[in-house]
Protein backbone atom coordinates (compact mmCIF):
# COMPACT_ATOMS: atom_id res chain seq x y z
CA ARG A 1 -15.40 -24.14 6.30
CA ALA A 2 -16.85 -21.76 3.71
CA GLN A 3 -14.65 -18.98 2.40
CA ALA A 4 -15.65 -15.32 2.14
CA VAL A 5 -14.27 -13.52 -0.91
CA LEU A 6 -13.80 -9.74 -1.00
CA ASN A 7 -14.09 -8.12 -4.41
CA ILE A 8 -12.93 -4.55 -4.98
CA ALA A 9 -13.11 -2.81 -8.36
CA GLN A 10 -10.05 -0.64 -7.80
CA ASN A 11 -7.43 -0.15 -5.11
CA TRP A 12 -6.94 3.61 -5.47
CA LEU A 13 -9.45 6.42 -4.98
CA ALA A 14 -9.31 10.20 -4.94
CA GLU A 15 -10.95 12.00 -2.03
CA GLY A 16 -14.65 12.46 -2.71
CA ASP A 17 -14.96 9.38 -4.92
CA SER A 18 -17.09 6.40 -3.94
CA LEU A 19 -16.41 2.68 -4.09
CA THR A 20 -18.46 -0.36 -3.14
CA LEU A 21 -16.73 -3.41 -1.70
CA VAL A 22 -18.55 -6.68 -2.32
CA CYS A 23 -18.29 -9.79 -0.14
CA VAL A 24 -19.51 -13.14 -1.43
CA VAL A 25 -19.56 -16.61 0.09
CA ARG A 26 -18.48 -19.58 -2.00
CA SER A 27 -21.67 -21.43 -1.25
CA SER A 28 -25.09 -21.58 -2.84
CA SER A 29 -26.82 -21.19 0.52
CA ARG A 30 -28.34 -17.91 1.63
CA GLY A 31 -29.01 -16.13 4.88
CA TRP A 32 -25.54 -14.76 5.57
CA THR A 33 -24.86 -11.61 7.58
CA PHE A 34 -21.65 -9.80 6.69
CA SER A 35 -19.06 -8.06 8.83
CA TRP A 36 -16.44 -5.66 7.49
CA PHE A 37 -12.97 -4.89 8.80
CA ARG A 38 -10.36 -2.21 8.14
CA ASP A 39 -6.91 -2.67 9.66
CA ASP A 40 -8.33 -5.46 11.86
CA HIS A 41 -11.04 -3.20 13.35
CA GLU A 42 -14.67 -4.09 12.72
CA LEU A 43 -16.66 -1.54 10.75
CA LEU A 44 -20.41 -1.08 10.90
CA SER A 45 -21.91 -4.42 9.90
CA ASP A 46 -24.08 -4.74 6.83
CA SER A 47 -27.04 -6.86 7.84
CA SER A 48 -28.30 -7.39 4.29
CA ARG A 49 -29.22 -11.00 3.53
CA GLY A 50 -28.37 -13.10 0.52
CA ALA A 51 -25.34 -14.67 -1.09
CA GLY A 52 -23.34 -11.45 -0.94
CA GLY A 53 -23.07 -8.19 0.92
CA SER A 54 -21.71 -4.76 0.17
CA TYR A 55 -19.98 -1.93 1.98
CA THR A 56 -19.78 1.49 0.34
CA VAL A 57 -17.05 4.04 1.00
CA SER A 58 -18.61 7.40 0.08
CA PRO A 59 -17.38 10.05 0.01
CA ALA A 60 -13.89 8.62 0.25
CA ALA A 61 -11.44 10.35 2.60
CA VAL A 62 -7.79 9.74 3.46
CA LYS A 63 -8.94 8.08 6.71
CA HIS A 64 -10.47 5.28 4.60
CA THR A 65 -7.02 4.15 3.46
CA GLY A 66 -6.28 0.73 4.89
CA VAL A 67 -6.43 -3.03 4.57
CA TYR A 68 -9.97 -4.36 4.22
CA ALA A 69 -11.45 -7.80 4.82
CA CYS A 70 -14.88 -9.31 5.28
CA ARG A 71 -16.44 -12.31 6.98
CA ALA A 72 -19.91 -13.84 6.90
CA GLU A 73 -21.94 -15.50 9.60
CA ARG A 74 -25.16 -17.46 9.79
CA GLY A 75 -26.29 -18.26 13.28
CA ALA A 76 -23.31 -19.66 15.18
CA TYR A 77 -21.45 -20.47 11.96
CA TYR A 78 -18.72 -18.16 10.66
CA THR A 79 -16.79 -18.28 7.41
CA GLU A 80 -13.07 -17.81 7.24
CA TYR A 81 -11.96 -14.20 6.86
CA SER A 82 -11.54 -13.13 3.26
CA TYR A 83 -8.15 -12.40 1.83
CA THR A 84 -7.34 -8.76 2.44
CA GLN A 85 -7.51 -5.93 -0.09
CA LEU A 86 -5.55 -2.70 0.21
CA LEU A 87 -7.40 0.56 -0.50
CA TRP A 88 -5.55 3.86 -0.95
CA VAL A 89 -7.33 7.22 -0.81
CA THR A 90 -5.34 10.33 -1.76
């Protein structure tokens, strides 16, 4: 099963800053739809197509602190969940 990988440029933000989380699939194929999760709750899905997707936190607030993950799907096929990334907003 393909693996989704969550990339995050930094793990700490000040309130008001912005940060884009990027999810990529270790596969050359395209057509993935991405889902985003914070603390095991699904966030608004990013329906962009391609080999990767993005989710932007802007402006950052304390409520955005949490453990993030992503997953990709194409039709009935889902990737594994990505490894989690912790984001702190202070």
